[in-house]
């Protein structure tokens, strides 16, 4: 939903009044009455987390302990073990 709204907003910047009304009608048609779930974290947060997870795996392969990595990255030891593949 967020990507849809962002795309529609981008289109809005080149729209005249009639196009804006059409844009609003489309959003209301597609999303009106819904209670959509919007994740708190978007693509940029996922990319940062992916980078963090790769760093954790790299440091773990070099011999760092899971307790140290948990403190360093501000996550639980269990989460570190999940990231490095020791736990599902």
PDB file of N, CA and C in Angstrom:
ATOM      1  N   UNK A   1       0.816  -1.180   0.000  1.00  0.00           N
ATOM      2  CA  UNK A   1       0.000   0.000   0.000  1.00  0.00           C
ATOM      3  C   UNK A   1       0.869   1.257   0.000  1.00  0.00           C
ATOM      4  N   UNK A   2       1.913   1.265   0.808  1.00  0.00           N
ATOM      5  CA  UNK A   2       2.769   2.444   0.893  1.00  0.00           C
ATOM      6  C   UNK A   2       3.411   2.740  -0.457  1.00  0.00           C
ATOM      7  N   UNK A   3       3.897   1.694  -1.136  1.00  0.00           N
ATOM      8  CA  UNK A   3       4.500   1.906  -2.450  1.00  0.00           C
ATOM      9  C   UNK A   3       3.476   2.447  -3.432  1.00  0.00           C
ATOM     10  N   UNK A   4       2.261   1.964  -3.335  1.00  0.00           N
ATOM     11  CA  UNK A   4       1.191   2.457  -4.200  1.00  0.00           C
ATOM     12  C   UNK A   4       0.942   3.938  -3.949  1.00  0.00           C
ATOM     13  N   UNK A   5       0.849   4.319  -2.702  1.00  0.00           N
ATOM     14  CA  UNK A   5       0.620   5.722  -2.365  1.00  0.00           C
ATOM     15  C   UNK A   5       1.791   6.581  -2.827  1.00  0.00           C
ATOM     16  N   UNK A   6       3.017   6.092  -2.615  1.00  0.00           N
ATOM     17  CA  UNK A   6       4.188   6.860  -3.035  1.00  0.00           C
ATOM     18  C   UNK A   6       4.197   7.061  -4.549  1.00  0.00           C
ATOM     19  N   UNK A   7       3.846   6.028  -5.286  1.00  0.00           N
ATOM     20  CA  UNK A   7       3.781   6.141  -6.745  1.00  0.00           C
ATOM     21  C   UNK A   7       2.733   7.163  -7.151  1.00  0.00           C
ATOM     22  N   UNK A   8       1.597   7.104  -6.498  1.00  0.00           N
ATOM     23  CA  UNK A   8       0.520   8.042  -6.820  1.00  0.00           C
ATOM     24  C   UNK A   8       0.904   9.472  -6.453  1.00  0.00           C
ATOM     25  N   UNK A   9       1.590   9.671  -5.356  1.00  0.00           N
ATOM     26  CA  UNK A   9       2.037  11.010  -4.971  1.00  0.00           C
ATOM     27  C   UNK A   9       3.039  11.541  -5.993  1.00  0.00           C
ATOM     28  N   UNK A  10       3.960  10.670  -6.431  1.00  0.00           N
ATOM     29  CA  UNK A  10       4.933  11.084  -7.444  1.00  0.00           C
ATOM     30  C   UNK A  10       4.224  11.551  -8.711  1.00  0.00           C
ATOM     31  N   UNK A  11       3.198  10.817  -9.108  1.00  0.00           N
ATOM     32  CA  UNK A  11       2.427  11.193 -10.287  1.00  0.00           C
ATOM     33  C   UNK A  11       1.702  12.514 -10.075  1.00  0.00           C
ATOM     34  N   UNK A  12       1.353  12.789  -8.837  1.00  0.00           N
ATOM     35  CA  UNK A  12       0.591  13.993  -8.511  1.00  0.00           C
ATOM     36  C   UNK A  12       1.359  15.268  -8.846  1.00  0.00           C
ATOM     37  N   UNK A  13       2.657  15.252  -8.750  1.00  0.00           N
ATOM     38  CA  UNK A  13       3.429  16.467  -8.946  1.00  0.00           C
ATOM     39  C   UNK A  13       3.401  16.977 -10.380  1.00  0.00           C
ATOM     40  N   UNK A  14       2.928  16.164 -11.297  1.00  0.00           N
ATOM     41  CA  UNK A  14       2.787  16.619 -12.678  1.00  0.00           C
ATOM     42  C   UNK A  14       1.318  16.667 -13.087  1.00  0.00           C
ATOM     43  N   UNK A  15       0.423  16.687 -12.118  1.00  0.00           N
ATOM     44  CA  UNK A  15      -1.008  16.597 -12.405  1.00  0.00           C
ATOM     45  C   UNK A  15      -1.698  17.952 -12.279  1.00  0.00           C
ATOM     46  N   UNK A  16      -2.778  18.114 -13.061  1.00  0.00           N
ATOM     47  CA  UNK A  16      -3.622  19.298 -12.903  1.00  0.00           C
ATOM     48  C   UNK A  16      -4.772  18.941 -11.955  1.00  0.00           C
ATOM     49  N   UNK A  17      -5.698  19.862 -11.739  1.00  0.00           N
ATOM     50  CA  UNK A  17      -6.774  19.662 -10.756  1.00  0.00           C
ATOM     51  C   UNK A  17      -7.631  18.449 -11.093  1.00  0.00           C
ATOM     52  N   UNK A  18      -7.956  18.261 -12.360  1.00  0.00           N
ATOM     53  CA  UNK A  18      -8.789  17.117 -12.749  1.00  0.00           C
ATOM     54  C   UNK A  18      -8.056  15.807 -12.495  1.00  0.00           C
ATOM     55  N   UNK A  19      -6.753  15.794 -12.771  1.00  0.00           N
ATOM     56  CA  UNK A  19      -5.958  14.589 -12.536  1.00  0.00           C
ATOM     57  C   UNK A  19      -5.844  14.298 -11.042  1.00  0.00           C
ATOM     58  N   UNK A  20      -5.753  15.357 -10.241  1.00  0.00           N
ATOM     59  CA  UNK A  20      -5.700  15.159  -8.789  1.00  0.00           C
ATOM     60  C   UNK A  20      -6.991  14.538  -8.279  1.00  0.00           C
ATOM     61  N   UNK A  21      -8.121  14.976  -8.808  1.00  0.00           N
ATOM     62  CA  UNK A  21      -9.399  14.385  -8.410  1.00  0.00           C
ATOM     63  C   UNK A  21      -9.457  12.917  -8.817  1.00  0.00           C
ATOM     64  N   UNK A  22      -8.943  12.613 -10.003  1.00  0.00           N
ATOM     65  CA  UNK A  22      -8.900  11.227 -10.464  1.00  0.00           C
ATOM     66  C   UNK A  22      -7.983  10.390  -9.574  1.00  0.00           C
ATOM     67  N   UNK A  23      -6.854  10.979  -9.175  1.00  0.00           N
ATOM     68  CA  UNK A  23      -5.927  10.308  -8.272  1.00  0.00           C
ATOM     69  C   UNK A  23      -6.595   9.997  -6.940  1.00  0.00           C
ATOM     70  N   UNK A  24      -7.277  10.979  -6.385  1.00  0.00           N
ATOM     71  CA  UNK A  24      -7.979  10.772  -5.111  1.00  0.00           C
ATOM     72  C   UNK A  24      -9.034   9.686  -5.258  1.00  0.00           C
ATOM     73  N   UNK A  25      -9.792   9.721  -6.340  1.00  0.00           N
ATOM     74  CA  UNK A  25     -10.826   8.710  -6.563  1.00  0.00           C
ATOM     75  C   UNK A  25     -10.211   7.319  -6.640  1.00  0.00           C
ATOM     76  N   UNK A  26      -9.055   7.208  -7.294  1.00  0.00           N
ATOM     77  CA  UNK A  26      -8.389   5.911  -7.384  1.00  0.00           C
ATOM     78  C   UNK A  26      -7.932   5.384  -6.041  1.00  0.00           C
ATOM     79  N   UNK A  27      -7.357   6.263  -5.223  1.00  0.00           N
ATOM     80  CA  UNK A  27      -6.923   5.847  -3.883  1.00  0.00           C
ATOM     81  C   UNK A  27      -8.121   5.421  -3.057  1.00  0.00           C
ATOM     82  N   UNK A  28      -9.187   6.201  -3.110  1.00  0.00           N
ATOM     83  CA  UNK A  28     -10.386   5.839  -2.338  1.00  0.00           C
ATOM     84  C   UNK A  28     -11.006   4.535  -2.853  1.00  0.00           C
ATOM     85  N   UNK A  29     -11.010   4.337  -4.183  1.00  0.00           N
ATOM     86  CA  UNK A  29     -11.560   3.114  -4.762  1.00  0.00           C
ATOM     87  C   UNK A  29     -10.750   1.895  -4.315  1.00  0.00           C
ATOM     88  N   UNK A  30      -9.425   2.013  -4.362  1.00  0.00           N
ATOM     89  CA  UNK A  30      -8.566   0.870  -4.070  1.00  0.00           C
ATOM     90  C   UNK A  30      -8.374   0.609  -2.586  1.00  0.00           C
ATOM     91  N   UNK A  31      -8.420   1.649  -1.752  1.00  0.00           N
ATOM     92  CA  UNK A  31      -8.099   1.485  -0.336  1.00  0.00           C
ATOM     93  C   UNK A  31      -9.231   1.858   0.606  1.00  0.00           C
ATOM     94  N   UNK A  32     -10.281   2.470   0.099  1.00  0.00           N
ATOM     95  CA  UNK A  32     -11.383   2.905   0.957  1.00  0.00           C
ATOM     96  C   UNK A  32     -12.012   1.751   1.730  1.00  0.00           C
ATOM     97  N   UNK A  33     -12.239   1.959   3.010  1.00  0.00           N
ATOM     98  CA  UNK A  33     -12.862   0.946   3.848  1.00  0.00           C
ATOM     99  C   UNK A  33     -11.905  -0.123   4.357  1.00  0.00           C
ATOM    100  N   UNK A  34     -10.672  -0.089   3.923  1.00  0.00           N
ATOM    101  CA  UNK A  34      -9.686  -1.090   4.335  1.00  0.00           C
ATOM    102  C   UNK A  34      -9.005  -0.668   5.631  1.00  0.00           C
ATOM    103  N   UNK A  35      -8.469  -1.646   6.322  1.00  0.00           N
ATOM    104  CA  UNK A  35      -7.617  -1.403   7.477  1.00  0.00           C
ATOM    105  C   UNK A  35      -6.293  -2.086   7.189  1.00  0.00           C
ATOM    106  N   UNK A  36      -5.515  -1.498   6.295  1.00  0.00           N
ATOM    107  CA  UNK A  36      -4.274  -2.163   5.883  1.00  0.00           C
ATOM    108  C   UNK A  36      -3.228  -2.160   6.981  1.00  0.00           C
ATOM    109  N   UNK A  37      -2.377  -3.165   6.932  1.00  0.00           N
ATOM    110  CA  UNK A  37      -1.225  -3.236   7.826  1.00  0.00           C
ATOM    111  C   UNK A  37      -0.072  -2.516   7.140  1.00  0.00           C
ATOM    112  N   UNK A  38       0.552  -1.582   7.834  1.00  0.00           N
ATOM    113  CA  UNK A  38       1.715  -0.884   7.309  1.00  0.00           C
ATOM    114  C   UNK A  38       2.880  -1.207   8.236  1.00  0.00           C
ATOM    115  N   UNK A  39       3.872  -1.885   7.688  1.00  0.00           N
ATOM    116  CA  UNK A  39       5.039  -2.264   8.479  1.00  0.00           C
ATOM    117  C   UNK A  39       5.769  -1.019   8.978  1.00  0.00           C
ATOM    118  N   UNK A  40       6.306  -1.096  10.180  1.00  0.00           N
ATOM    119  CA  UNK A  40       7.041   0.039  10.744  1.00  0.00           C
ATOM    120  C   UNK A  40       8.360   0.265  10.031  1.00  0.00           C
ATOM    121  N   UNK A  41       8.929  -0.794   9.465  1.00  0.00           N
ATOM    122  CA  UNK A  41      10.213  -0.689   8.793  1.00  0.00           C
ATOM    123  C   UNK A  41      10.034  -0.921   7.301  1.00  0.00           C
ATOM    124  N   UNK A  42      10.627  -0.068   6.505  1.00  0.00           N
ATOM    125  CA  UNK A  42      10.526  -0.185   5.065  1.00  0.00           C
ATOM    126  C   UNK A  42      11.782  -0.758   4.441  1.00  0.00           C
ATOM    127  N   UNK A  43      11.926  -0.533   3.153  1.00  0.00           N
ATOM    128  CA  UNK A  43      13.057  -1.086   2.406  1.00  0.00           C
ATOM    129  C   UNK A  43      14.404  -0.610   2.940  1.00  0.00           C
ATOM    130  N   UNK A  44      14.509   0.649   3.305  1.00  0.00           N
ATOM    131  CA  UNK A  44      15.803   1.149   3.787  1.00  0.00           C
ATOM    132  C   UNK A  44      16.209   0.461   5.084  1.00  0.00           C
ATOM    133  N   UNK A  45      15.245   0.214   5.967  1.00  0.00           N
ATOM    134  CA  UNK A  45      15.551  -0.478   7.222  1.00  0.00           C
ATOM    135  C   UNK A  45      15.935  -1.930   6.952  1.00  0.00           C
ATOM    136  N   UNK A  46      15.255  -2.556   5.983  1.00  0.00           N
ATOM    137  CA  UNK A  46      15.602  -3.938   5.642  1.00  0.00           C
ATOM    138  C   UNK A  46      17.014  -4.014   5.073  1.00  0.00           C
ATOM    139  N   UNK A  47      17.380  -3.047   4.263  1.00  0.00           N
ATOM    140  CA  UNK A  47      18.730  -3.032   3.691  1.00  0.00           C
ATOM    141  C   UNK A  47      19.768  -2.864   4.792  1.00  0.00           C
ATOM    142  N   UNK A  48      19.494  -1.978   5.749  1.00  0.00           N
ATOM    143  CA  UNK A  48      20.422  -1.770   6.867  1.00  0.00           C
ATOM    144  C   UNK A  48      20.536  -3.033   7.710  1.00  0.00           C
ATOM    145  N   UNK A  49      19.411  -3.704   7.943  1.00  0.00           N
ATOM    146  CA  UNK A  49      19.426  -4.932   8.740  1.00  0.00           C
ATOM    147  C   UNK A  49      20.171  -6.035   8.001  1.00  0.00           C
ATOM    148  N   UNK A  50      19.995  -6.097   6.686  1.00  0.00           N
ATOM    149  CA  UNK A  50      20.710  -7.090   5.892  1.00  0.00           C
ATOM    150  C   UNK A  50      22.223  -6.845   5.976  1.00  0.00           C
ATOM    151  N   UNK A  51      22.634  -5.581   5.901  1.00  0.00           N
ATOM    152  CA  UNK A  51      24.051  -5.223   6.027  1.00  0.00           C
ATOM    153  C   UNK A  51      24.562  -5.624   7.404  1.00  0.00           C
ATOM    154  N   UNK A  52      23.768  -5.317   8.447  1.00  0.00           N
ATOM    155  CA  UNK A  52      24.157  -5.683   9.812  1.00  0.00           C
ATOM    156  C   UNK A  52      24.306  -7.193   9.950  1.00  0.00           C
ATOM    157  N   UNK A  53      23.351  -7.934   9.424  1.00  0.00           N
ATOM    158  CA  UNK A  53      23.401  -9.390   9.543  1.00  0.00           C
ATOM    159  C   UNK A  53      24.633  -9.965   8.843  1.00  0.00           C
ATOM    160  N   UNK A  54      24.989  -9.412   7.693  1.00  0.00           N
ATOM    161  CA  UNK A  54      26.180  -9.895   6.993  1.00  0.00           C
ATOM    162  C   UNK A  54      27.439  -9.590   7.802  1.00  0.00           C
ATOM    163  N   UNK A  55      27.487  -8.420   8.413  1.00  0.00           N
ATOM    164  CA  UNK A  55      28.627  -8.076   9.278  1.00  0.00           C
ATOM    165  C   UNK A  55      28.722  -9.040  10.456  1.00  0.00           C
ATOM    166  N   UNK A  56      27.583  -9.359  11.053  1.00  0.00           N
ATOM    167  CA  UNK A  56      27.563 -10.296  12.186  1.00  0.00           C
ATOM    168  C   UNK A  56      28.076 -11.655  11.738  1.00  0.00           C
ATOM    169  N   UNK A  57      27.611 -12.160  10.593  1.00  0.00           N
ATOM    170  CA  UNK A  57      28.083 -13.459  10.094  1.00  0.00           C
ATOM    171  C   UNK A  57      29.583 -13.431   9.837  1.00  0.00           C
ATOM    172  N   UNK A  58      30.048 -12.341   9.258  1.00  0.00           N
ATOM    173  CA  UNK A  58      31.478 -12.209   8.965  1.00  0.00           C
ATOM    174  C   UNK A  58      32.310 -12.216  10.246  1.00  0.00           C
ATOM    175  N   UNK A  59      31.891 -11.448  11.218  1.00  0.00           N
ATOM    176  CA  UNK A  59      32.623 -11.382  12.488  1.00  0.00           C
ATOM    177  C   UNK A  59      32.571 -12.717  13.212  1.00  0.00           C
ATOM    178  N   UNK A  60      31.431 -13.399  13.129  1.00  0.00           N
ATOM    179  CA  UNK A  60      31.289 -14.700  13.779  1.00  0.00           C
ATOM    180  C   UNK A  60      32.237 -15.713  13.140  1.00  0.00           C
ATOM    181  N   UNK A  61      32.333 -15.685  11.799  1.00  0.00           N
ATOM    182  CA  UNK A  61      33.251 -16.605  11.099  1.00  0.00           C
ATOM    183  C   UNK A  61      34.698 -16.338  11.472  1.00  0.00           C
ATOM    184  N   UNK A  62      35.014 -15.086  11.814  1.00  0.00           N
ATOM    185  CA  UNK A  62      36.374 -14.753  12.232  1.00  0.00           C
ATOM    186  C   UNK A  62      36.639 -15.130  13.684  1.00  0.00           C
ATOM    187  N   UNK A  63      35.629 -15.644  14.389  1.00  0.00           N
ATOM    188  CA  UNK A  63      35.851 -16.145  15.736  1.00  0.00           C
ATOM    189  C   UNK A  63      35.236 -15.339  16.866  1.00  0.00           C
ATOM    190  N   UNK A  64      34.499 -14.268  16.557  1.00  0.00           N
ATOM    191  CA  UNK A  64      33.861 -13.495  17.640  1.00  0.00           C
ATOM    192  C   UNK A  64      32.774 -14.334  18.301  1.00  0.00           C
ATOM    193  N   UNK A  65      32.632 -14.175  19.611  1.00  0.00           N
ATOM    194  CA  UNK A  65      31.626 -14.901  20.374  1.00  0.00           C
ATOM    195  C   UNK A  65      30.249 -14.254  20.203  1.00  0.00           C
ATOM    196  N   UNK A  66      29.201 -15.064  20.300  1.00  0.00           N
ATOM    197  CA  UNK A  66      27.840 -14.555  20.118  1.00  0.00           C
ATOM    198  C   UNK A  66      27.474 -13.534  21.188  1.00  0.00           C
ATOM    199  N   UNK A  67      27.973 -13.697  22.422  1.00  0.00           N
ATOM    200  CA  UNK A  67      27.689 -12.732  23.481  1.00  0.00           C
ATOM    201  C   UNK A  67      28.249 -11.353  23.163  1.00  0.00           C
ATOM    202  N   UNK A  68      29.466 -11.328  22.664  1.00  0.00           N
ATOM    203  CA  UNK A  68      30.091 -10.065  22.280  1.00  0.00           C
ATOM    204  C   UNK A  68      29.320  -9.412  21.132  1.00  0.00           C
ATOM    205  N   UNK A  69      28.970 -10.209  20.123  1.00  0.00           N
ATOM    206  CA  UNK A  69      28.246  -9.663  18.971  1.00  0.00           C
ATOM    207  C   UNK A  69      26.873  -9.132  19.380  1.00  0.00           C
ATOM    208  N   UNK A  70      26.221  -9.819  20.306  1.00  0.00           N
ATOM    209  CA  UNK A  70      24.922  -9.358  20.783  1.00  0.00           C
ATOM    210  C   UNK A  70      25.045  -7.982  21.436  1.00  0.00           C
ATOM    211  N   UNK A  71      26.041  -7.829  22.295  1.00  0.00           N
ATOM    212  CA  UNK A  71      26.241  -6.526  22.957  1.00  0.00           C
ATOM    213  C   UNK A  71      26.630  -5.454  21.950  1.00  0.00           C
ATOM    214  N   UNK A  72      27.524  -5.802  21.040  1.00  0.00           N
ATOM    215  CA  UNK A  72      27.998  -4.834  20.053  1.00  0.00           C
ATOM    216  C   UNK A  72      26.861  -4.303  19.180  1.00  0.00           C
ATOM    217  N   UNK A  73      25.974  -5.184  18.738  1.00  0.00           N
ATOM    218  CA  UNK A  73      24.924  -4.800  17.807  1.00  0.00           C
ATOM    219  C   UNK A  73      23.586  -4.513  18.490  1.00  0.00           C
ATOM    220  N   UNK A  74      23.514  -4.671  19.813  1.00  0.00           N
ATOM    221  CA  UNK A  74      22.284  -4.342  20.542  1.00  0.00           C
ATOM    222  C   UNK A  74      21.135  -5.297  20.291  1.00  0.00           C
ATOM    223  N   UNK A  75      21.470  -6.574  20.126  1.00  0.00           N
ATOM    224  CA  UNK A  75      20.447  -7.600  19.928  1.00  0.00           C
ATOM    225  C   UNK A  75      20.715  -8.741  20.896  1.00  0.00           C
ATOM    226  N   UNK A  76      19.784  -9.686  20.963  1.00  0.00           N
ATOM    227  CA  UNK A  76      19.958 -10.801  21.894  1.00  0.00           C
ATOM    228  C   UNK A  76      20.930 -11.840  21.319  1.00  0.00           C
ATOM    229  N   UNK A  77      21.492 -12.645  22.226  1.00  0.00           N
ATOM    230  CA  UNK A  77      22.367 -13.730  21.773  1.00  0.00           C
ATOM    231  C   UNK A  77      21.586 -14.715  20.923  1.00  0.00           C
ATOM    232  N   UNK A  78      20.350 -14.938  21.285  1.00  0.00           N
ATOM    233  CA  UNK A  78      19.521 -15.846  20.492  1.00  0.00           C
ATOM    234  C   UNK A  78      19.388 -15.333  19.065  1.00  0.00           C
ATOM    235  N   UNK A  79      19.179 -14.013  18.903  1.00  0.00           N
ATOM    236  CA  UNK A  79      19.068 -13.440  17.563  1.00  0.00           C
ATOM    237  C   UNK A  79      20.385 -13.591  16.799  1.00  0.00           C
ATOM    238  N   UNK A  80      21.506 -13.413  17.487  1.00  0.00           N
ATOM    239  CA  UNK A  80      22.804 -13.619  16.841  1.00  0.00           C
ATOM    240  C   UNK A  80      22.901 -15.055  16.334  1.00  0.00           C
ATOM    241  N   UNK A  81      22.522 -16.016  17.170  1.00  0.00           N
ATOM    242  CA  UNK A  81      22.590 -17.425  16.766  1.00  0.00           C
ATOM    243  C   UNK A  81      21.666 -17.694  15.577  1.00  0.00           C
ATOM    244  N   UNK A  82      20.510 -17.048  15.536  1.00  0.00           N
ATOM    245  CA  UNK A  82      19.613 -17.208  14.389  1.00  0.00           C
ATOM    246  C   UNK A  82      20.276 -16.650  13.123  1.00  0.00           C
ATOM    247  N   UNK A  83      20.890 -15.506  13.234  1.00  0.00           N
ATOM    248  CA  UNK A  83      21.529 -14.867  12.082  1.00  0.00           C
ATOM    249  C   UNK A  83      22.670 -15.714  11.533  1.00  0.00           C
ATOM    250  N   UNK A  84      23.465 -16.282  12.426  1.00  0.00           N
ATOM    251  CA  UNK A  84      24.618 -17.067  11.960  1.00  0.00           C
ATOM    252  C   UNK A  84      24.230 -18.497  11.613  1.00  0.00           C
ATOM    253  N   UNK A  85      22.982 -18.853  11.814  1.00  0.00           N
ATOM    254  CA  UNK A  85      22.497 -20.156  11.381  1.00  0.00           C
ATOM    255  C   UNK A  85      22.613 -21.271  12.379  1.00  0.00           C
ATOM    256  N   UNK A  86      22.841 -20.949  13.649  1.00  0.00           N
ATOM    257  CA  UNK A  86      22.937 -21.988  14.668  1.00  0.00           C
ATOM    258  C   UNK A  86      21.569 -22.337  15.248  1.00  0.00           C
ATOM    259  N   UNK A  87      20.581 -21.520  14.969  1.00  0.00           N
ATOM    260  CA  UNK A  87      19.257 -21.708  15.569  1.00  0.00           C
ATOM    261  C   UNK A  87      18.224 -21.252  14.564  1.00  0.00           C
ATOM    262  N   UNK A  88      17.080 -21.904  14.554  1.00  0.00           N
ATOM    263  CA  UNK A  88      16.035 -21.493  13.616  1.00  0.00           C
ATOM    264  C   UNK A  88      14.939 -20.732  14.315  1.00  0.00           C
TER     265      UNK A  88
END
